[in-house]
C-alpha atoms as a PDB file:
ATOM      1  CA  MET A   1      55.626 112.023 122.488  1.00  0.00           C
ATOM      2  CA  GLU A   2      55.279 108.525 121.134  1.00  0.00           C
ATOM      3  CA  THR A   3      54.920 105.444 123.327  1.00  0.00           C
ATOM      4  CA  ILE A   4      57.376 102.732 122.329  1.00  0.00           C
ATOM      5  CA  ALA A   5      56.245 100.007 124.716  1.00  0.00           C
ATOM      6  CA  GLU A   6      54.099  99.672 127.764  1.00  0.00           C
ATOM      7  CA  SER A   7      54.607  97.236 130.612  1.00  0.00           C
ATOM      8  CA  ARG A   8      52.057  96.246 133.224  1.00  0.00           C
ATOM      9  CA  PRO A   9      52.753  93.826 136.076  1.00  0.00           C
ATOM     10  CA  GLN A  10      51.103  90.481 135.412  1.00  0.00           C
ATOM     11  CA  ALA A  11      50.438  87.606 137.750  1.00  0.00           C
ATOM     12  CA  ARG A  12      52.214  84.329 137.240  1.00  0.00           C
ATOM     13  CA  PRO A  13      50.300  81.028 137.175  1.00  0.00           C
ATOM     14  CA  ASN A  14      50.956  80.646 140.931  1.00  0.00           C
ATOM     15  CA  GLY A  15      49.095  83.945 141.516  1.00  0.00           C
ATOM     16  CA  ARG A  16      52.174  85.907 142.544  1.00  0.00           C
ATOM     17  CA  PRO A  17      53.231  88.953 140.553  1.00  0.00           C
ATOM     18  CA  HIS A  18      56.489  88.930 138.591  1.00  0.00           C
ATOM     19  CA  GLY A  19      59.591  90.051 140.468  1.00  0.00           C
ATOM     20  CA  GLY A  20      59.087  88.005 143.611  1.00  0.00           C
ATOM     21  CA  ALA A  21      56.956  90.557 145.454  1.00  0.00           C
ATOM     22  CA  GLU A  22      53.960  89.334 147.415  1.00  0.00           C
ATOM     23  CA  ALA A  23      50.538  90.759 146.511  1.00  0.00           C
ATOM     24  CA  GLY A  24      52.085  93.451 144.301  1.00  0.00           C
ATOM     25  CA  ARG A  25      54.090  95.015 147.139  1.00  0.00           C
ATOM     26  CA  PRO A  26      57.770  95.563 146.461  1.00  0.00           C
ATOM     27  CA  ALA A  27      60.192  93.455 148.420  1.00  0.00           C
ATOM     28  CA  ALA A  28      62.773  95.235 150.531  1.00  0.00           C
ATOM     29  CA  ALA A  29      66.136  95.661 148.824  1.00  0.00           C
ATOM     30  CA  GLY A  30      68.461  92.860 149.831  1.00  0.00           C
ATOM     31  CA  SER A  31      65.639  90.555 150.959  1.00  0.00           C
ATOM     32  CA  PRO A  32      65.486  87.059 149.464  1.00  0.00           C
ATOM     33  CA  ALA A  33      62.375  87.998 147.460  1.00  0.00           C
ATOM     34  CA  ALA A  34      64.281  90.874 145.852  1.00  0.00           C
ATOM     35  CA  GLN A  35      67.045  88.558 144.716  1.00  0.00           C
ATOM     36  CA  GLY A  36      65.206  87.119 141.750  1.00  0.00           C
ATOM     37  CA  GLY A  37      62.727  88.388 139.217  1.00  0.00           C
ATOM     38  CA  GLU A  38      62.373  90.234 135.964  1.00  0.00           C
ATOM     39  CA  TYR A  39      64.451  93.270 135.060  1.00  0.00           C
ATOM     40  CA  LEU A  40      64.257  95.776 132.239  1.00  0.00           C
ATOM     41  CA  THR A  41      67.791  96.141 130.904  1.00  0.00           C
ATOM     42  CA  VAL A  42      68.902  99.647 130.028  1.00  0.00           C
ATOM     43  CA  ARG A  43      72.200 101.026 128.755  1.00  0.00           C
ATOM     44  CA  LEU A  44      74.174 103.954 130.080  1.00  0.00           C
ATOM     45  CA  GLY A  45      77.321 104.083 127.995  1.00  0.00           C
ATOM     46  CA  ALA A  46      78.971 100.668 127.863  1.00  0.00           C
ATOM     47  CA  GLU A  47      77.262  99.446 131.045  1.00  0.00           C
ATOM     48  CA  GLU A  48      73.980  97.581 131.332  1.00  0.00           C
ATOM     49  CA  TYR A  49      71.678  98.225 134.273  1.00  0.00           C
ATOM     50  CA  GLY A  50      68.643  96.282 135.427  1.00  0.00           C
ATOM     51  CA  ILE A  51      65.492  97.960 136.731  1.00  0.00           C
ATOM     52  CA  ASP A  52      62.778  95.935 138.470  1.00  0.00           C
ATOM     53  CA  ILE A  53      60.070  95.517 135.833  1.00  0.00           C
ATOM     54  CA  LEU A  54      57.380  96.123 138.465  1.00  0.00           C
ATOM     55  CA  ARG A  55      58.524  99.759 138.699  1.00  0.00           C
ATOM     56  CA  VAL A  56      58.294 100.339 134.920  1.00  0.00           C
ATOM     57  CA  GLN A  57      55.074 101.937 133.698  1.00  0.00           C
ATOM     58  CA  GLU A  58      56.076 102.496 130.067  1.00  0.00           C
ATOM     59  CA  ILE A  59      58.936 103.337 127.717  1.00  0.00           C
ATOM     60  CA  ARG A  60      58.730 106.485 125.600  1.00  0.00           C
ATOM     61  CA  SER A  61      60.834 108.108 122.940  1.00  0.00           C
ATOM     62  CA  TYR A  62      62.825 111.080 124.220  1.00  0.00           C
ATOM     63  CA  GLU A  63      61.253 114.490 123.858  1.00  0.00           C
ATOM     64  CA  ALA A  64      62.927 117.603 125.246  1.00  0.00           C
ATOM     65  CA  PRO A  65      61.252 118.458 128.562  1.00  0.00           C
ATOM     66  CA  THR A  66      60.298 121.921 129.774  1.00  0.00           C
ATOM     67  CA  ARG A  67      63.252 123.163 131.804  1.00  0.00           C
ATOM     68  CA  ILE A  68      62.669 124.365 135.368  1.00  0.00           C
ATOM     69  CA  ALA A  69      64.947 126.995 136.910  1.00  0.00           C
ATOM     70  CA  ASN A  70      67.110 126.276 139.961  1.00  0.00           C
ATOM     71  CA  VAL A  71      66.903 122.471 139.873  1.00  0.00           C
ATOM     72  CA  PRO A  72      69.920 120.158 139.991  1.00  0.00           C
ATOM     73  CA  ALA A  73      71.586 119.336 136.646  1.00  0.00           C
ATOM     74  CA  PHE A  74      70.295 115.745 136.681  1.00  0.00           C
ATOM     75  CA  ILE A  75      66.677 116.995 136.546  1.00  0.00           C
ATOM     76  CA  LYS A  76      66.176 117.782 132.857  1.00  0.00           C
ATOM     77  CA  GLY A  77      62.720 119.306 133.386  1.00  0.00           C
ATOM     78  CA  VAL A  78      59.119 118.116 133.197  1.00  0.00           C
ATOM     79  CA  VAL A  79      56.758 116.708 130.575  1.00  0.00           C
ATOM     80  CA  ASN A  80      52.984 116.447 130.464  1.00  0.00           C
ATOM     81  CA  LEU A  81      52.108 112.753 130.289  1.00  0.00           C
ATOM     82  CA  ARG A  82      48.361 112.449 129.695  1.00  0.00           C
ATOM     83  CA  GLY A  83      47.634 115.253 132.140  1.00  0.00           C
ATOM     84  CA  VAL A  84      50.268 114.281 134.729  1.00  0.00           C
ATOM     85  CA  ILE A  85      53.338 116.509 135.114  1.00  0.00           C
ATOM     86  CA  VAL A  86      56.315 114.120 135.216  1.00  0.00           C
ATOM     87  CA  PRO A  87      59.833 115.119 136.301  1.00  0.00           C
ATOM     88  CA  ILE A  88      62.520 113.792 133.931  1.00  0.00           C
ATOM     89  CA  ILE A  89      65.814 112.614 135.441  1.00  0.00           C
ATOM     90  CA  ASP A  90      68.940 112.030 133.322  1.00  0.00           C
ATOM     91  CA  LEU A  91      70.450 108.897 134.876  1.00  0.00           C
ATOM     92  CA  ARG A  92      73.782 109.559 133.104  1.00  0.00           C
ATOM     93  CA  VAL A  93      74.161 112.851 134.958  1.00  0.00           C
ATOM     94  CA  LYS A  94      72.811 111.472 138.255  1.00  0.00           C
ATOM     95  CA  LEU A  95      75.201 108.508 138.211  1.00  0.00           C
ATOM     96  CA  GLY A  96      78.211 110.546 137.099  1.00  0.00           C
ATOM     97  CA  CYS A  97      78.589 109.070 133.615  1.00  0.00           C
ATOM     98  CA  GLU A  98      80.094 111.152 130.826  1.00  0.00           C
ATOM     99  CA  ARG A  99      77.608 113.237 128.887  1.00  0.00           C
ATOM    100  CA  ILE A 100      76.675 112.310 125.338  1.00  0.00           C
ATOM    101  CA  GLU A 101      74.326 113.725 122.748  1.00  0.00           C
ATOM    102  CA  TYR A 102      70.852 112.242 122.719  1.00  0.00           C
ATOM    103  CA  ASN A 103      70.060 110.183 119.628  1.00  0.00           C
ATOM    104  CA  ASP A 104      67.260 108.048 118.158  1.00  0.00           C
ATOM    105  CA  PHE A 105      67.932 105.304 120.733  1.00  0.00           C
ATOM    106  CA  THR A 106      67.622 107.639 123.729  1.00  0.00           C
ATOM    107  CA  VAL A 107      64.420 106.862 125.619  1.00  0.00           C
ATOM    108  CA  VAL A 108      62.596 107.786 128.788  1.00  0.00           C
ATOM    109  CA  VAL A 109      61.661 104.928 131.089  1.00  0.00           C
ATOM    110  CA  VAL A 110      58.539 106.058 132.928  1.00  0.00           C
ATOM    111  CA  LEU A 111      58.585 104.671 136.461  1.00  0.00           C
ATOM    112  CA  ASN A 112      55.988 104.419 139.183  1.00  0.00           C
ATOM    113  CA  VAL A 113      57.824 104.914 142.472  1.00  0.00           C
ATOM    114  CA  ARG A 114      55.814 105.061 145.691  1.00  0.00           C
ATOM    115  CA  GLY A 115      52.768 106.235 143.794  1.00  0.00           C
ATOM    116  CA  ARG A 116      54.665 109.003 141.979  1.00  0.00           C
ATOM    117  CA  VAL A 117      55.387 108.962 138.247  1.00  0.00           C
ATOM    118  CA  VAL A 118      58.994 109.816 137.323  1.00  0.00           C
ATOM    119  CA  GLY A 119      60.844 109.584 133.988  1.00  0.00           C
ATOM    120  CA  ALA A 120      64.438 108.363 133.665  1.00  0.00           C
ATOM    121  CA  VAL A 121      66.459 109.161 130.521  1.00  0.00           C
ATOM    122  CA  VAL A 122      68.671 106.256 129.403  1.00  0.00           C
ATOM    123  CA  ASP A 123      70.778 105.639 126.291  1.00  0.00           C
ATOM    124  CA  SER A 124      68.652 102.683 125.203  1.00  0.00           C
ATOM    125  CA  VAL A 125      66.641  99.722 126.425  1.00  0.00           C
ATOM    126  CA  SER A 126      67.534  96.161 125.526  1.00  0.00           C
ATOM    127  CA  ASP A 127      65.048  93.625 126.794  1.00  0.00           C
ATOM    128  CA  VAL A 128      63.423  92.102 129.849  1.00  0.00           C
ATOM    129  CA  LEU A 129      65.418  89.365 131.556  1.00  0.00           C
ATOM    130  CA  GLU A 130      64.332  86.962 134.253  1.00  0.00           C
ATOM    131  CA  LEU A 131      67.088  86.252 136.739  1.00  0.00           C
ATOM    132  CA  ALA A 132      67.051  83.466 139.293  1.00  0.00           C
ATOM    133  CA  ARG A 133      68.560  84.064 142.737  1.00  0.00           C
ATOM    134  CA  ASP A 134      71.584  81.969 141.728  1.00  0.00           C
ATOM    135  CA  ASP A 135      72.279  84.356 138.826  1.00  0.00           C
ATOM    136  CA  ILE A 136      72.592  87.353 141.165  1.00  0.00           C
ATOM    137  CA  LYS A 137      75.728  88.116 143.140  1.00  0.00           C
ATOM    138  CA  PRO A 138      75.786  90.565 146.068  1.00  0.00           C
ATOM    139  CA  ALA A 139      76.596  94.203 145.381  1.00  0.00           C
ATOM    140  CA  PRO A 140      80.311  94.898 145.741  1.00  0.00           C
ATOM    141  CA  GLU A 141      81.509  96.493 148.957  1.00  0.00           C
ATOM    142  CA  LEU A 142      83.156  99.767 148.106  1.00  0.00           C
ATOM    143  CA  SER A 143      84.799 102.470 150.175  1.00  0.00           C
ATOM    144  CA  SER A 144      82.461 104.643 152.220  1.00  0.00           C
ATOM    145  CA  SER A 145      83.288 107.613 149.978  1.00  0.00           C
ATOM    146  CA  ILE A 146      81.594 105.847 147.030  1.00  0.00           C
ATOM    147  CA  ASP A 147      77.800 105.695 147.117  1.00  0.00           C
ATOM    148  CA  ALA A 148      76.856 102.224 145.913  1.00  0.00           C
ATOM    149  CA  SER A 149      73.701 102.048 148.038  1.00  0.00           C
ATOM    150  CA  TYR A 150      71.516 101.964 144.918  1.00  0.00           C
ATOM    151  CA  ILE A 151      73.155  98.807 143.583  1.00  0.00           C
ATOM    152  CA  THR A 152      71.295  95.761 144.863  1.00  0.00           C
ATOM    153  CA  GLY A 153      73.429  93.163 143.093  1.00  0.00           C
ATOM    154  CA  ILE A 154      75.168  92.073 139.919  1.00  0.00           C
ATOM    155  CA  GLY A 155      73.373  89.736 137.551  1.00  0.00           C
ATOM    156  CA  ALA A 156      75.431  87.223 135.587  1.00  0.00           C
ATOM    157  CA  ILE A 157      73.886  86.580 132.172  1.00  0.00           C
ATOM    158  CA  LYS A 158      75.255  83.724 130.089  1.00  0.00           C
ATOM    159  CA  SER A 159      74.905  83.696 126.310  1.00  0.00           C
ATOM    160  CA  GLY A 160      76.630  80.562 125.055  1.00  0.00           C
ATOM    161  CA  GLU A 161      80.291  80.890 126.099  1.00  0.00           C
ATOM    162  CA  ALA A 162      80.063  84.622 126.766  1.00  0.00           C
ATOM    163  CA  GLU A 163      78.956  86.122 130.066  1.00  0.00           C
ATOM    164  CA  ARG A 164      77.898  89.684 130.647  1.00  0.00           C
ATOM    165  CA  MET A 165      77.139  91.536 133.846  1.00  0.00           C
ATOM    166  CA  LEU A 166      73.990  93.463 134.644  1.00  0.00           C
ATOM    167  CA  ILE A 167      74.130  96.066 137.428  1.00  0.00           C
ATOM    168  CA  LEU A 168      70.858  95.753 139.330  1.00  0.00           C
ATOM    169  CA  MET A 169      69.569  99.103 140.573  1.00  0.00           C
ATOM    170  CA  ASP A 170      67.300  99.927 143.485  1.00  0.00           C
ATOM    171  CA  ILE A 171      65.478 102.459 141.323  1.00  0.00           C
ATOM    172  CA  GLU A 172      62.866 103.088 144.007  1.00  0.00           C
ATOM    173  CA  GLY A 173      65.571 103.900 146.557  1.00  0.00           C
ATOM    174  CA  LEU A 174      67.392 106.143 144.102  1.00  0.00           C
ATOM    175  CA  MET A 175      64.328 108.083 142.980  1.00  0.00           C
ATOM    176  CA  SER A 176      62.942 108.477 146.499  1.00  0.00           C
ATOM    177  CA  SER A 177      66.239 109.540 148.092  1.00  0.00           C
ATOM    178  CA  ALA A 178      66.303 112.868 149.933  1.00  0.00           C
ATOM    179  CA  GLU A 179      68.989 114.125 147.504  1.00  0.00           C
ATOM    180  CA  MET A 180      66.574 113.749 144.590  1.00  0.00           C
ATOM    181  CA  GLY A 181      63.853 115.699 146.388  1.00  0.00           C
ATOM    182  CA  LEU A 182      61.128 114.107 144.273  1.00  0.00           C
ATOM    183  CA  ILE A 183      59.264 111.913 146.731  1.00  0.00           C
ATOM    184  CA  ASP A 184      58.523 112.459 150.418  1.00  0.00           C
ATOM    185  CA  ALA A 185      59.949 109.692 152.557  1.00  0.00           C
END
């Protein structure tokens, strides 16, 4: 498995880590500190999602994991990452997107969530964007039958005259949910 890029949290000149968290601790979803920061942009189909850069450990090319019997369809299996067994989650399947064939752009974003290493398969990664609080709109309120609890907001990104939207994910909340069964609460 080849490492494409590696990301480590770095302190800003004011001594605070990127992403608005104090002393390296994550801010609670929805708190003012969580409303600005740097996000890794990933693609799932035509949609762009933002993942808090402080949760990203590295980005790796996709390699077929070892399948484990009797796990949900969104868990593709496990890989050995430098001696650590890492569960691999297909975010397309987990989020109910249509299935596609993996290609050369398909990558695994390796995340550190509550001290546990987890891999998330995405179609591709774009870049890292810094969003100010003013660039982030609240998550839409949807019917109670639709689970949008893992959407923390919508980022508005302006490129000249064009504007695109970035769906900001609470990746820690998603990966540590009871439904995933990966991390003890």
